[in-house]
Amino acid sequence: YGLQTSRGFRALKIWMALKEHGVEKFGRLIDQNIAQARYLAGLIEAEPALELMAPTTINIVSFRHRLDDGSEERLKAFNTEIMLRLQEEGIAALSDTTVHGRHCLRVAIANHRTRR
C-alpha cells in the first residue's frame, strides 16, 4: 500500500512495454540472452583453466576456475576473490552459488544491452 492507501499497479510497466513493443520482441531478447549464455559456456569449455559446472540451458552459466592442487576450500576462496575483483573493477556483475555441493561462479545474462 502507498500513501494513497491503495495498492500500487506494478504490472503497469510490463503491460505498457508489452503493448508498445510486443511479445515477439521480448521473445527475441530472451533468445538473445540464452544464445549469449551458450556462447559464454562454449568459451569456458574451451579454456582448460575453467570448469563448466552445469549444462547451460537458459541464460545462466555456472563455472569456476580450476586449481591444480585445490581443495574445495581453496577453490571457494580463489573463486570468491575472482568474483569480488570483477565486481569491484566494474567488469562483471556475477554472483556465486553452489552446484552439486561445489562452490562456483554464476553469470545470469538478463540485460538486453549485453554484448559478446
PDB file of N, CA and C in Angstrom:
ATOM      1  N   TYR A   1       0.824  -1.183   0.000  1.00  0.00           N
ATOM      2  CA  TYR A   1       0.000   0.000   0.000  1.00  0.00           C
ATOM      3  C   TYR A   1       0.869   1.248   0.000  1.00  0.00           C
ATOM      4  N   GLY A   2       0.425   2.252  -0.678  1.00  0.00           N
ATOM      5  CA  GLY A   2       1.161   3.502  -0.746  1.00  0.00           C
ATOM      6  C   GLY A   2       0.493   4.580   0.085  1.00  0.00           C
ATOM      7  N   LEU A   3       0.920   5.817  -0.105  1.00  0.00           N
ATOM      8  CA  LEU A   3       0.334   6.945   0.620  1.00  0.00           C
ATOM      9  C   LEU A   3      -1.151   7.108   0.313  1.00  0.00           C
ATOM     10  N   GLN A   4      -1.549   6.671  -0.886  1.00  0.00           N
ATOM     11  CA  GLN A   4      -2.945   6.799  -1.270  1.00  0.00           C
ATOM     12  C   GLN A   4      -3.804   5.718  -0.625  1.00  0.00           C
ATOM     13  N   THR A   5      -3.208   4.881   0.213  1.00  0.00           N
ATOM     14  CA  THR A   5      -3.865   3.739   0.869  1.00  0.00           C
ATOM     15  C   THR A   5      -4.479   2.766  -0.131  1.00  0.00           C
ATOM     16  N   SER A   6      -3.831   2.656  -1.273  1.00  0.00           N
ATOM     17  CA  SER A   6      -4.240   1.656  -2.257  1.00  0.00           C
ATOM     18  C   SER A   6      -2.991   0.947  -2.760  1.00  0.00           C
ATOM     19  N   ARG A   7      -3.202  -0.188  -3.353  1.00  0.00           N
ATOM     20  CA  ARG A   7      -2.066  -0.955  -3.859  1.00  0.00           C
ATOM     21  C   ARG A   7      -1.508  -0.308  -5.125  1.00  0.00           C
ATOM     22  N   GLY A   8      -0.187  -0.392  -5.257  1.00  0.00           N
ATOM     23  CA  GLY A   8       0.447   0.123  -6.457  1.00  0.00           C
ATOM     24  C   GLY A   8       0.207  -0.812  -7.636  1.00  0.00           C
ATOM     25  N   PHE A   9       0.134  -0.279  -8.820  1.00  0.00           N
ATOM     26  CA  PHE A   9      -0.088  -1.062 -10.033  1.00  0.00           C
ATOM     27  C   PHE A   9       1.269  -1.348 -10.669  1.00  0.00           C
ATOM     28  N   ARG A  10       2.021  -2.256 -10.042  1.00  0.00           N
ATOM     29  CA  ARG A  10       3.382  -2.542 -10.501  1.00  0.00           C
ATOM     30  C   ARG A  10       3.411  -3.217 -11.866  1.00  0.00           C
ATOM     31  N   ALA A  11       2.361  -3.896 -12.222  1.00  0.00           N
ATOM     32  CA  ALA A  11       2.328  -4.588 -13.510  1.00  0.00           C
ATOM     33  C   ALA A  11       2.141  -3.625 -14.679  1.00  0.00           C
ATOM     34  N   LEU A  12       1.799  -2.384 -14.397  1.00  0.00           N
ATOM     35  CA  LEU A  12       1.554  -1.416 -15.466  1.00  0.00           C
ATOM     36  C   LEU A  12       2.774  -1.251 -16.364  1.00  0.00           C
ATOM     37  N   LYS A  13       3.973  -1.194 -15.785  1.00  0.00           N
ATOM     38  CA  LYS A  13       5.192  -1.018 -16.589  1.00  0.00           C
ATOM     39  C   LYS A  13       5.353  -2.155 -17.588  1.00  0.00           C
ATOM     40  N   ILE A  14       5.132  -3.364 -17.145  1.00  0.00           N
ATOM     41  CA  ILE A  14       5.282  -4.522 -18.035  1.00  0.00           C
ATOM     42  C   ILE A  14       4.180  -4.523 -19.085  1.00  0.00           C
ATOM     43  N   TRP A  15       2.975  -4.251 -18.662  1.00  0.00           N
ATOM     44  CA  TRP A  15       1.853  -4.233 -19.594  1.00  0.00           C
ATOM     45  C   TRP A  15       2.084  -3.195 -20.687  1.00  0.00           C
ATOM     46  N   MET A  16       2.541  -1.999 -20.299  1.00  0.00           N
ATOM     47  CA  MET A  16       2.795  -0.936 -21.276  1.00  0.00           C
ATOM     48  C   MET A  16       3.927  -1.328 -22.227  1.00  0.00           C
ATOM     49  N   ALA A  17       4.982  -1.932 -21.693  1.00  0.00           N
ATOM     50  CA  ALA A  17       6.096  -2.364 -22.543  1.00  0.00           C
ATOM     51  C   ALA A  17       5.634  -3.429 -23.535  1.00  0.00           C
ATOM     52  N   LEU A  18       4.815  -4.361 -23.084  1.00  0.00           N
ATOM     53  CA  LEU A  18       4.292  -5.389 -23.987  1.00  0.00           C
ATOM     54  C   LEU A  18       3.402  -4.771 -25.062  1.00  0.00           C
ATOM     55  N   LYS A  19       2.583  -3.803 -24.686  1.00  0.00           N
ATOM     56  CA  LYS A  19       1.720  -3.136 -25.664  1.00  0.00           C
ATOM     57  C   LYS A  19       2.545  -2.353 -26.689  1.00  0.00           C
ATOM     58  N   GLU A  20       3.617  -1.710 -26.230  1.00  0.00           N
ATOM     59  CA  GLU A  20       4.445  -0.889 -27.117  1.00  0.00           C
ATOM     60  C   GLU A  20       5.316  -1.732 -28.041  1.00  0.00           C
ATOM     61  N   HIS A  21       5.979  -2.744 -27.484  1.00  0.00           N
ATOM     62  CA  HIS A  21       6.985  -3.492 -28.243  1.00  0.00           C
ATOM     63  C   HIS A  21       6.506  -4.852 -28.733  1.00  0.00           C
ATOM     64  N   GLY A  22       5.540  -5.436 -28.078  1.00  0.00           N
ATOM     65  CA  GLY A  22       5.011  -6.724 -28.497  1.00  0.00           C
ATOM     66  C   GLY A  22       5.737  -7.903 -27.867  1.00  0.00           C
ATOM     67  N   VAL A  23       5.024  -8.999 -27.785  1.00  0.00           N
ATOM     68  CA  VAL A  23       5.556 -10.221 -27.179  1.00  0.00           C
ATOM     69  C   VAL A  23       6.735 -10.761 -27.988  1.00  0.00           C
ATOM     70  N   GLU A  24       6.671 -10.629 -29.313  1.00  0.00           N
ATOM     71  CA  GLU A  24       7.731 -11.175 -30.163  1.00  0.00           C
ATOM     72  C   GLU A  24       9.082 -10.537 -29.860  1.00  0.00           C
ATOM     73  N   LYS A  25       9.094  -9.241 -29.641  1.00  0.00           N
ATOM     74  CA  LYS A  25      10.359  -8.560 -29.345  1.00  0.00           C
ATOM     75  C   LYS A  25      10.939  -9.057 -28.025  1.00  0.00           C
ATOM     76  N   PHE A  26      10.100  -9.213 -27.014  1.00  0.00           N
ATOM     77  CA  PHE A  26      10.593  -9.731 -25.739  1.00  0.00           C
ATOM     78  C   PHE A  26      11.109 -11.159 -25.903  1.00  0.00           C
ATOM     79  N   GLY A  27      10.432 -11.946 -26.727  1.00  0.00           N
ATOM     80  CA  GLY A  27      10.895 -13.304 -27.009  1.00  0.00           C
ATOM     81  C   GLY A  27      12.261 -13.305 -27.673  1.00  0.00           C
ATOM     82  N   ARG A  28      12.469 -12.392 -28.627  1.00  0.00           N
ATOM     83  CA  ARG A  28      13.774 -12.290 -29.296  1.00  0.00           C
ATOM     84  C   ARG A  28      14.868 -11.900 -28.307  1.00  0.00           C
ATOM     85  N   LEU A  29      14.559 -10.995 -27.389  1.00  0.00           N
ATOM     86  CA  LEU A  29      15.548 -10.577 -26.387  1.00  0.00           C
ATOM     87  C   LEU A  29      15.911 -11.731 -25.453  1.00  0.00           C
ATOM     88  N   ILE A  30      14.933 -12.512 -25.070  1.00  0.00           N
ATOM     89  CA  ILE A  30      15.203 -13.681 -24.223  1.00  0.00           C
ATOM     90  C   ILE A  30      16.056 -14.684 -24.981  1.00  0.00           C
ATOM     91  N   ASP A  31      15.713 -14.938 -26.250  1.00  0.00           N
ATOM     92  CA  ASP A  31      16.517 -15.849 -27.077  1.00  0.00           C
ATOM     93  C   ASP A  31      17.948 -15.346 -27.214  1.00  0.00           C
ATOM     94  N   GLN A  32      18.110 -14.025 -27.361  1.00  0.00           N
ATOM     95  CA  GLN A  32      19.447 -13.429 -27.468  1.00  0.00           C
ATOM     96  C   GLN A  32      20.248 -13.673 -26.191  1.00  0.00           C
ATOM     97  N   ASN A  33      19.629 -13.502 -25.039  1.00  0.00           N
ATOM     98  CA  ASN A  33      20.320 -13.746 -23.769  1.00  0.00           C
ATOM     99  C   ASN A  33      20.731 -15.207 -23.623  1.00  0.00           C
ATOM    100  N   ILE A  34      19.868 -16.117 -24.030  1.00  0.00           N
ATOM    101  CA  ILE A  34      20.199 -17.545 -23.954  1.00  0.00           C
ATOM    102  C   ILE A  34      21.344 -17.868 -24.903  1.00  0.00           C
ATOM    103  N   ALA A  35      21.330 -17.297 -26.100  1.00  0.00           N
ATOM    104  CA  ALA A  35      22.422 -17.522 -27.059  1.00  0.00           C
ATOM    105  C   ALA A  35      23.743 -16.994 -26.506  1.00  0.00           C
ATOM    106  N   GLN A  36      23.717 -15.844 -25.847  1.00  0.00           N
ATOM    107  CA  GLN A  36      24.940 -15.301 -25.255  1.00  0.00           C
ATOM    108  C   GLN A  36      25.445 -16.187 -24.122  1.00  0.00           C
ATOM    109  N   ALA A  37      24.539 -16.748 -23.346  1.00  0.00           N
ATOM    110  CA  ALA A  37      24.943 -17.660 -22.271  1.00  0.00           C
ATOM    111  C   ALA A  37      25.595 -18.911 -22.857  1.00  0.00           C
ATOM    112  N   ARG A  38      25.036 -19.426 -23.929  1.00  0.00           N
ATOM    113  CA  ARG A  38      25.627 -20.610 -24.577  1.00  0.00           C
ATOM    114  C   ARG A  38      26.992 -20.278 -25.172  1.00  0.00           C
ATOM    115  N   TYR A  39      27.125 -19.085 -25.721  1.00  0.00           N
ATOM    116  CA  TYR A  39      28.420 -18.642 -26.250  1.00  0.00           C
ATOM    117  C   TYR A  39      29.456 -18.598 -25.126  1.00  0.00           C
ATOM    118  N   LEU A  40      29.085 -18.008 -23.995  1.00  0.00           N
ATOM    119  CA  LEU A  40      29.987 -17.957 -22.843  1.00  0.00           C
ATOM    120  C   LEU A  40      30.335 -19.362 -22.364  1.00  0.00           C
ATOM    121  N   ALA A  41      29.361 -20.244 -22.319  1.00  0.00           N
ATOM    122  CA  ALA A  41      29.618 -21.629 -21.905  1.00  0.00           C
ATOM    123  C   ALA A  41      30.625 -22.289 -22.843  1.00  0.00           C
ATOM    124  N   GLY A  42      30.525 -22.007 -24.134  1.00  0.00           N
ATOM    125  CA  GLY A  42      31.486 -22.549 -25.097  1.00  0.00           C
ATOM    126  C   GLY A  42      32.893 -22.036 -24.854  1.00  0.00           C
ATOM    127  N   LEU A  43      33.014 -20.752 -24.536  1.00  0.00           N
ATOM    128  CA  LEU A  43      34.330 -20.186 -24.217  1.00  0.00           C
ATOM    129  C   LEU A  43      34.911 -20.838 -22.964  1.00  0.00           C
ATOM    130  N   ILE A  44      34.069 -21.064 -21.977  1.00  0.00           N
ATOM    131  CA  ILE A  44      34.521 -21.696 -20.731  1.00  0.00           C
ATOM    132  C   ILE A  44      34.976 -23.126 -21.000  1.00  0.00           C
ATOM    133  N   GLU A  45      34.211 -23.867 -21.786  1.00  0.00           N
ATOM    134  CA  GLU A  45      34.578 -25.254 -22.101  1.00  0.00           C
ATOM    135  C   GLU A  45      35.893 -25.331 -22.869  1.00  0.00           C
ATOM    136  N   ALA A  46      36.190 -24.313 -23.659  1.00  0.00           N
ATOM    137  CA  ALA A  46      37.419 -24.302 -24.456  1.00  0.00           C
ATOM    138  C   ALA A  46      38.642 -23.896 -23.643  1.00  0.00           C
ATOM    139  N   GLU A  47      38.445 -23.406 -22.442  1.00  0.00           N
ATOM    140  CA  GLU A  47      39.547 -22.936 -21.595  1.00  0.00           C
ATOM    141  C   GLU A  47      39.849 -23.973 -20.517  1.00  0.00           C
ATOM    142  N   PRO A  48      41.016 -24.626 -20.598  1.00  0.00           N
ATOM    143  CA  PRO A  48      41.346 -25.684 -19.626  1.00  0.00           C
ATOM    144  C   PRO A  48      41.369 -25.224 -18.168  1.00  0.00           C
ATOM    145  N   ALA A  49      41.627 -23.949 -17.923  1.00  0.00           N
ATOM    146  CA  ALA A  49      41.687 -23.454 -16.544  1.00  0.00           C
ATOM    147  C   ALA A  49      40.302 -23.256 -15.931  1.00  0.00           C
ATOM    148  N   LEU A  50      39.263 -23.352 -16.758  1.00  0.00           N
ATOM    149  CA  LEU A  50      37.899 -23.144 -16.274  1.00  0.00           C
ATOM    150  C   LEU A  50      37.098 -24.438 -16.362  1.00  0.00           C
ATOM    151  N   GLU A  51      36.106 -24.546 -15.493  1.00  0.00           N
ATOM    152  CA  GLU A  51      35.267 -25.744 -15.436  1.00  0.00           C
ATOM    153  C   GLU A  51      33.798 -25.325 -15.457  1.00  0.00           C
ATOM    154  N   LEU A  52      33.066 -25.789 -16.463  1.00  0.00           N
ATOM    155  CA  LEU A  52      31.630 -25.550 -16.528  1.00  0.00           C
ATOM    156  C   LEU A  52      30.958 -26.481 -15.528  1.00  0.00           C
ATOM    157  N   MET A  53      30.140 -25.939 -14.648  1.00  0.00           N
ATOM    158  CA  MET A  53      29.594 -26.716 -13.531  1.00  0.00           C
ATOM    159  C   MET A  53      28.239 -27.352 -13.824  1.00  0.00           C
ATOM    160  N   ALA A  54      27.522 -26.851 -14.817  1.00  0.00           N
ATOM    161  CA  ALA A  54      26.198 -27.386 -15.148  1.00  0.00           C
ATOM    162  C   ALA A  54      25.894 -27.053 -16.603  1.00  0.00           C
ATOM    163  N   PRO A  55      25.053 -27.849 -17.239  1.00  0.00           N
ATOM    164  CA  PRO A  55      24.671 -27.527 -18.619  1.00  0.00           C
ATOM    165  C   PRO A  55      23.995 -26.156 -18.678  1.00  0.00           C
ATOM    166  N   THR A  56      24.236 -25.444 -19.767  1.00  0.00           N
ATOM    167  CA  THR A  56      23.648 -24.119 -19.948  1.00  0.00           C
ATOM    168  C   THR A  56      22.417 -24.268 -20.830  1.00  0.00           C
ATOM    169  N   THR A  57      21.250 -24.274 -20.210  1.00  0.00           N
ATOM    170  CA  THR A  57      20.003 -24.440 -20.956  1.00  0.00           C
ATOM    171  C   THR A  57      19.163 -23.169 -20.977  1.00  0.00           C
ATOM    172  N   ILE A  58      19.464 -22.252 -20.063  1.00  0.00           N
ATOM    173  CA  ILE A  58      18.776 -20.961 -20.054  1.00  0.00           C
ATOM    174  C   ILE A  58      19.841 -19.872 -20.051  1.00  0.00           C
ATOM    175  N   ASN A  59      19.578 -18.743 -19.471  1.00  0.00           N
ATOM    176  CA  ASN A  59      20.510 -17.613 -19.517  1.00  0.00           C
ATOM    177  C   ASN A  59      21.510 -17.609 -18.359  1.00  0.00           C
ATOM    178  N   ILE A  60      21.661 -18.717 -17.663  1.00  0.00           N
ATOM    179  CA  ILE A  60      22.554 -18.791 -16.503  1.00  0.00           C
ATOM    180  C   ILE A  60      23.713 -19.731 -16.796  1.00  0.00           C
ATOM    181  N   VAL A  61      24.931 -19.259 -16.483  1.00  0.00           N
ATOM    182  CA  VAL A  61      26.144 -20.054 -16.672  1.00  0.00           C
ATOM    183  C   VAL A  61      26.831 -20.182 -15.314  1.00  0.00           C
ATOM    184  N   SER A  62      27.077 -21.420 -14.905  1.00  0.00           N
ATOM    185  CA  SER A  62      27.774 -21.688 -13.638  1.00  0.00           C
ATOM    186  C   SER A  62      29.120 -22.315 -13.962  1.00  0.00           C
ATOM    187  N   PHE A  63      30.183 -21.729 -13.415  1.00  0.00           N
ATOM    188  CA  PHE A  63      31.527 -22.207 -13.713  1.00  0.00           C
ATOM    189  C   PHE A  63      32.460 -21.852 -12.573  1.00  0.00           C
ATOM    190  N   ARG A  64      33.672 -22.372 -12.645  1.00  0.00           N
ATOM    191  CA  ARG A  64      34.692 -21.968 -11.676  1.00  0.00           C
ATOM    192  C   ARG A  64      36.067 -22.116 -12.298  1.00  0.00           C
ATOM    193  N   HIS A  65      37.002 -21.402 -11.718  1.00  0.00           N
ATOM    194  CA  HIS A  65      38.402 -21.509 -12.108  1.00  0.00           C
ATOM    195  C   HIS A  65      38.980 -22.712 -11.385  1.00  0.00           C
ATOM    196  N   ARG A  66      39.708 -23.531 -12.111  1.00  0.00           N
ATOM    197  CA  ARG A  66      40.316 -24.719 -11.507  1.00  0.00           C
ATOM    198  C   ARG A  66      41.652 -24.361 -10.864  1.00  0.00           C
ATOM    199  N   LEU A  67      42.051 -25.161  -9.919  1.00  0.00           N
ATOM    200  CA  LEU A  67      43.386 -25.093  -9.328  1.00  0.00           C
ATOM    201  C   LEU A  67      43.955 -26.505  -9.334  1.00  0.00           C
ATOM    202  N   ASP A  68      45.231 -26.634  -9.681  1.00  0.00           N
ATOM    203  CA  ASP A  68      45.844 -27.962  -9.750  1.00  0.00           C
ATOM    204  C   ASP A  68      45.827 -28.678  -8.407  1.00  0.00           C
ATOM    205  N   ASP A  69      46.130 -27.953  -7.367  1.00  0.00           N
ATOM    206  CA  ASP A  69      46.214 -28.571  -6.046  1.00  0.00           C
ATOM    207  C   ASP A  69      45.124 -28.033  -5.123  1.00  0.00           C
ATOM    208  N   GLY A  70      43.959 -27.770  -5.678  1.00  0.00           N
ATOM    209  CA  GLY A  70      42.939 -27.077  -4.906  1.00  0.00           C
ATOM    210  C   GLY A  70      41.955 -27.971  -4.185  1.00  0.00           C
ATOM    211  N   SER A  71      41.897 -27.811  -2.887  1.00  0.00           N
ATOM    212  CA  SER A  71      40.824 -28.418  -2.117  1.00  0.00           C
ATOM    213  C   SER A  71      39.571 -27.579  -2.371  1.00  0.00           C
ATOM    214  N   GLU A  72      38.418 -28.086  -1.994  1.00  0.00           N
ATOM    215  CA  GLU A  72      37.184 -27.320  -2.174  1.00  0.00           C
ATOM    216  C   GLU A  72      37.249 -25.985  -1.436  1.00  0.00           C
ATOM    217  N   GLU A  73      37.876 -25.979  -0.273  1.00  0.00           N
ATOM    218  CA  GLU A  73      38.022 -24.736   0.494  1.00  0.00           C
ATOM    219  C   GLU A  73      38.862 -23.708  -0.257  1.00  0.00           C
ATOM    220  N   ARG A  74      39.987 -24.169  -0.811  1.00  0.00           N
ATOM    221  CA  ARG A  74      40.863 -23.265  -1.579  1.00  0.00           C
ATOM    222  C   ARG A  74      40.173 -22.785  -2.846  1.00  0.00           C
ATOM    223  N   LEU A  75      39.471 -23.694  -3.513  1.00  0.00           N
ATOM    224  CA  LEU A  75      38.753 -23.318  -4.728  1.00  0.00           C
ATOM    225  C   LEU A  75      37.696 -22.252  -4.432  1.00  0.00           C
ATOM    226  N   LYS A  76      36.987 -22.419  -3.331  1.00  0.00           N
ATOM    227  CA  LYS A  76      35.960 -21.438  -2.960  1.00  0.00           C
ATOM    228  C   LYS A  76      36.587 -20.077  -2.695  1.00  0.00           C
ATOM    229  N   ALA A  77      37.662 -20.043  -1.940  1.00  0.00           N
ATOM    230  CA  ALA A  77      38.335 -18.776  -1.627  1.00  0.00           C
ATOM    231  C   ALA A  77      38.867 -18.115  -2.898  1.00  0.00           C
ATOM    232  N   PHE A  78      39.478 -18.910  -3.775  1.00  0.00           N
ATOM    233  CA  PHE A  78      40.060 -18.383  -5.010  1.00  0.00           C
ATOM    234  C   PHE A  78      38.972 -17.808  -5.920  1.00  0.00           C
ATOM    235  N   ASN A  79      37.898 -18.552  -6.119  1.00  0.00           N
ATOM    236  CA  ASN A  79      36.827 -18.092  -6.995  1.00  0.00           C
ATOM    237  C   ASN A  79      36.058 -16.920  -6.400  1.00  0.00           C
ATOM    238  N   THR A  80      35.927 -16.889  -5.092  1.00  0.00           N
ATOM    239  CA  THR A  80      35.290 -15.743  -4.438  1.00  0.00           C
ATOM    240  C   THR A  80      36.119 -14.485  -4.667  1.00  0.00           C
ATOM    241  N   GLU A  81      37.428 -14.617  -4.592  1.00  0.00           N
ATOM    242  CA  GLU A  81      38.316 -13.473  -4.845  1.00  0.00           C
ATOM    243  C   GLU A  81      38.171 -12.990  -6.289  1.00  0.00           C
ATOM    244  N   ILE A  82      38.085 -13.909  -7.230  1.00  0.00           N
ATOM    245  CA  ILE A  82      37.870 -13.535  -8.636  1.00  0.00           C
ATOM    246  C   ILE A  82      36.565 -12.752  -8.768  1.00  0.00           C
ATOM    247  N   MET A  83      35.505 -13.272  -8.161  1.00  0.00           N
ATOM    248  CA  MET A  83      34.201 -12.615  -8.225  1.00  0.00           C
ATOM    249  C   MET A  83      34.265 -11.196  -7.658  1.00  0.00           C
ATOM    250  N   LEU A  84      34.871 -11.049  -6.496  1.00  0.00           N
ATOM    251  CA  LEU A  84      34.953  -9.734  -5.854  1.00  0.00           C
ATOM    252  C   LEU A  84      35.755  -8.745  -6.686  1.00  0.00           C
ATOM    253  N   ARG A  85      36.849  -9.198  -7.269  1.00  0.00           N
ATOM    254  CA  ARG A  85      37.658  -8.295  -8.108  1.00  0.00           C
ATOM    255  C   ARG A  85      36.894  -7.849  -9.347  1.00  0.00           C
ATOM    256  N   LEU A  86      36.208  -8.783  -9.996  1.00  0.00           N
ATOM    257  CA  LEU A  86      35.422  -8.423 -11.180  1.00  0.00           C
ATOM    258  C   LEU A  86      34.324  -7.424 -10.827  1.00  0.00           C
ATOM    259  N   GLN A  87      33.695  -7.614  -9.673  1.00  0.00           N
ATOM    260  CA  GLN A  87      32.651  -6.687  -9.230  1.00  0.00           C
ATOM    261  C   GLN A  87      33.232  -5.321  -8.892  1.00  0.00           C
ATOM    262  N   GLU A  88      34.314  -5.304  -8.122  1.00  0.00           N
ATOM    263  CA  GLU A  88      34.918  -4.041  -7.692  1.00  0.00           C
ATOM    264  C   GLU A  88      35.446  -3.224  -8.859  1.00  0.00           C
ATOM    265  N   GLU A  89      35.972  -3.897  -9.884  1.00  0.00           N
ATOM    266  CA  GLU A  89      36.519  -3.196 -11.042  1.00  0.00           C
ATOM    267  C   GLU A  89      35.442  -2.852 -12.067  1.00  0.00           C
ATOM    268  N   GLY A  90      34.210  -3.245 -11.808  1.00  0.00           N
ATOM    269  CA  GLY A  90      33.112  -2.937 -12.711  1.00  0.00           C
ATOM    270  C   GLY A  90      33.144  -3.709 -14.012  1.00  0.00           C
ATOM    271  N   ILE A  91      33.834  -4.833 -14.031  1.00  0.00           N
ATOM    272  CA  ILE A  91      33.954  -5.633 -15.250  1.00  0.00           C
ATOM    273  C   ILE A  91      32.721  -6.499 -15.458  1.00  0.00           C
ATOM    274  N   ALA A  92      32.245  -7.108 -14.391  1.00  0.00           N
ATOM    275  CA  ALA A  92      31.089  -8.002 -14.486  1.00  0.00           C
ATOM    276  C   ALA A  92      30.345  -8.017 -13.161  1.00  0.00           C
ATOM    277  N   ALA A  93      29.047  -8.276 -13.248  1.00  0.00           N
ATOM    278  CA  ALA A  93      28.214  -8.359 -12.044  1.00  0.00           C
ATOM    279  C   ALA A  93      27.778  -9.806 -11.853  1.00  0.00           C
ATOM    280  N   LEU A  94      28.745 -10.667 -11.572  1.00  0.00           N
ATOM    281  CA  LEU A  94      28.412 -12.063 -11.357  1.00  0.00           C
ATOM    282  C   LEU A  94      28.255 -12.338  -9.870  1.00  0.00           C
ATOM    283  N   SER A  95      27.681 -13.479  -9.562  1.00  0.00           N
ATOM    284  CA  SER A  95      27.478 -13.870  -8.168  1.00  0.00           C
ATOM    285  C   SER A  95      28.073 -15.256  -7.975  1.00  0.00           C
ATOM    286  N   ASP A  96      27.888 -15.809  -6.797  1.00  0.00           N
ATOM    287  CA  ASP A  96      28.356 -17.172  -6.571  1.00  0.00           C
ATOM    288  C   ASP A  96      27.190 -18.034  -6.119  1.00  0.00           C
ATOM    289  N   THR A  97      27.372 -19.332  -6.252  1.00  0.00           N
ATOM    290  CA  THR A  97      26.326 -20.284  -5.906  1.00  0.00           C
ATOM    291  C   THR A  97      26.968 -21.629  -5.601  1.00  0.00           C
ATOM    292  N   THR A  98      26.153 -22.605  -5.317  1.00  0.00           N
ATOM    293  CA  THR A  98      26.620 -23.965  -5.082  1.00  0.00           C
ATOM    294  C   THR A  98      25.885 -24.891  -6.043  1.00  0.00           C
ATOM    295  N   VAL A  99      26.640 -25.692  -6.782  1.00  0.00           N
ATOM    296  CA  VAL A  99      26.068 -26.664  -7.714  1.00  0.00           C
ATOM    297  C   VAL A  99      26.595 -28.036  -7.319  1.00  0.00           C
ATOM    298  N   HIS A 100      25.697 -28.948  -7.029  1.00  0.00           N
ATOM    299  CA  HIS A 100      26.067 -30.309  -6.601  1.00  0.00           C
ATOM    300  C   HIS A 100      27.058 -30.279  -5.438  1.00  0.00           C
ATOM    301  N   GLY A 101      26.837 -29.354  -4.511  1.00  0.00           N
ATOM    302  CA  GLY A 101      27.678 -29.259  -3.324  1.00  0.00           C
ATOM    303  C   GLY A 101      29.018 -28.591  -3.540  1.00  0.00           C
ATOM    304  N   ARG A 102      29.238 -28.032  -4.739  1.00  0.00           N
ATOM    305  CA  ARG A 102      30.517 -27.380  -5.040  1.00  0.00           C
ATOM    306  C   ARG A 102      30.292 -25.897  -5.347  1.00  0.00           C
ATOM    307  N   HIS A 103      31.126 -25.065  -4.724  1.00  0.00           N
ATOM    308  CA  HIS A 103      31.036 -23.614  -4.904  1.00  0.00           C
ATOM    309  C   HIS A 103      31.466 -23.245  -6.317  1.00  0.00           C
ATOM    310  N   CYS A 104      30.767 -22.274  -6.914  1.00  0.00           N
ATOM    311  CA  CYS A 104      31.148 -21.812  -8.250  1.00  0.00           C
ATOM    312  C   CYS A 104      30.627 -20.399  -8.474  1.00  0.00           C
ATOM    313  N   LEU A 105      31.011 -19.842  -9.597  1.00  0.00           N
ATOM    314  CA  LEU A 105      30.577 -18.512 -10.006  1.00  0.00           C
ATOM    315  C   LEU A 105      29.347 -18.652 -10.893  1.00  0.00           C
ATOM    316  N   ARG A 106      28.508 -17.635 -10.864  1.00  0.00           N
ATOM    317  CA  ARG A 106      27.237 -17.690 -11.598  1.00  0.00           C
ATOM    318  C   ARG A 106      27.056 -16.395 -12.381  1.00  0.00           C
ATOM    319  N   VAL A 107      26.846 -16.546 -13.675  1.00  0.00           N
ATOM    320  CA  VAL A 107      26.558 -15.407 -14.543  1.00  0.00           C
ATOM    321  C   VAL A 107      25.119 -15.560 -15.028  1.00  0.00           C
ATOM    322  N   ALA A 108      24.312 -14.545 -14.821  1.00  0.00           N
ATOM    323  CA  ALA A 108      22.935 -14.530 -15.317  1.00  0.00           C
ATOM    324  C   ALA A 108      22.827 -13.384 -16.323  1.00  0.00           C
ATOM    325  N   ILE A 109      22.717 -13.730 -17.584  1.00  0.00           N
ATOM    326  CA  ILE A 109      22.656 -12.719 -18.637  1.00  0.00           C
ATOM    327  C   ILE A 109      21.195 -12.324 -18.818  1.00  0.00           C
ATOM    328  N   ALA A 110      20.855 -11.112 -18.383  1.00  0.00           N
ATOM    329  CA  ALA A 110      19.461 -10.674 -18.407  1.00  0.00           C
ATOM    330  C   ALA A 110      19.282  -9.267 -18.973  1.00  0.00           C
ATOM    331  N   ASN A 111      20.363  -8.598 -19.307  1.00  0.00           N
ATOM    332  CA  ASN A 111      20.272  -7.233 -19.809  1.00  0.00           C
ATOM    333  C   ASN A 111      20.283  -7.256 -21.331  1.00  0.00           C
ATOM    334  N   HIS A 112      19.320  -6.618 -21.948  1.00  0.00           N
ATOM    335  CA  HIS A 112      19.232  -6.616 -23.410  1.00  0.00           C
ATOM    336  C   HIS A 112      20.397  -5.882 -24.068  1.00  0.00           C
ATOM    337  N   ARG A 113      21.160  -5.122 -23.296  1.00  0.00           N
ATOM    338  CA  ARG A 113      22.316  -4.408 -23.851  1.00  0.00           C
ATOM    339  C   ARG A 113      23.609  -5.207 -23.747  1.00  0.00           C
ATOM    340  N   THR A 114      23.562  -6.388 -23.163  1.00  0.00           N
ATOM    341  CA  THR A 114      24.759  -7.226 -23.043  1.00  0.00           C
ATOM    342  C   THR A 114      25.207  -7.656 -24.438  1.00  0.00           C
ATOM    343  N   ARG A 115      26.484  -7.524 -24.679  1.00  0.00           N
ATOM    344  CA  ARG A 115      27.060  -7.915 -25.971  1.00  0.00           C
ATOM    345  C   ARG A 115      28.213  -8.868 -25.741  1.00  0.00           C
ATOM    346  N   ARG A 116      28.543  -9.605 -26.791  1.00  0.00           N
ATOM    347  CA  ARG A 116      29.676 -10.524 -26.719  1.00  0.00           C
ATOM    348  C   ARG A 116      30.913  -9.720 -26.515  1.00  0.00           C
TER     349      ARG A 116
END
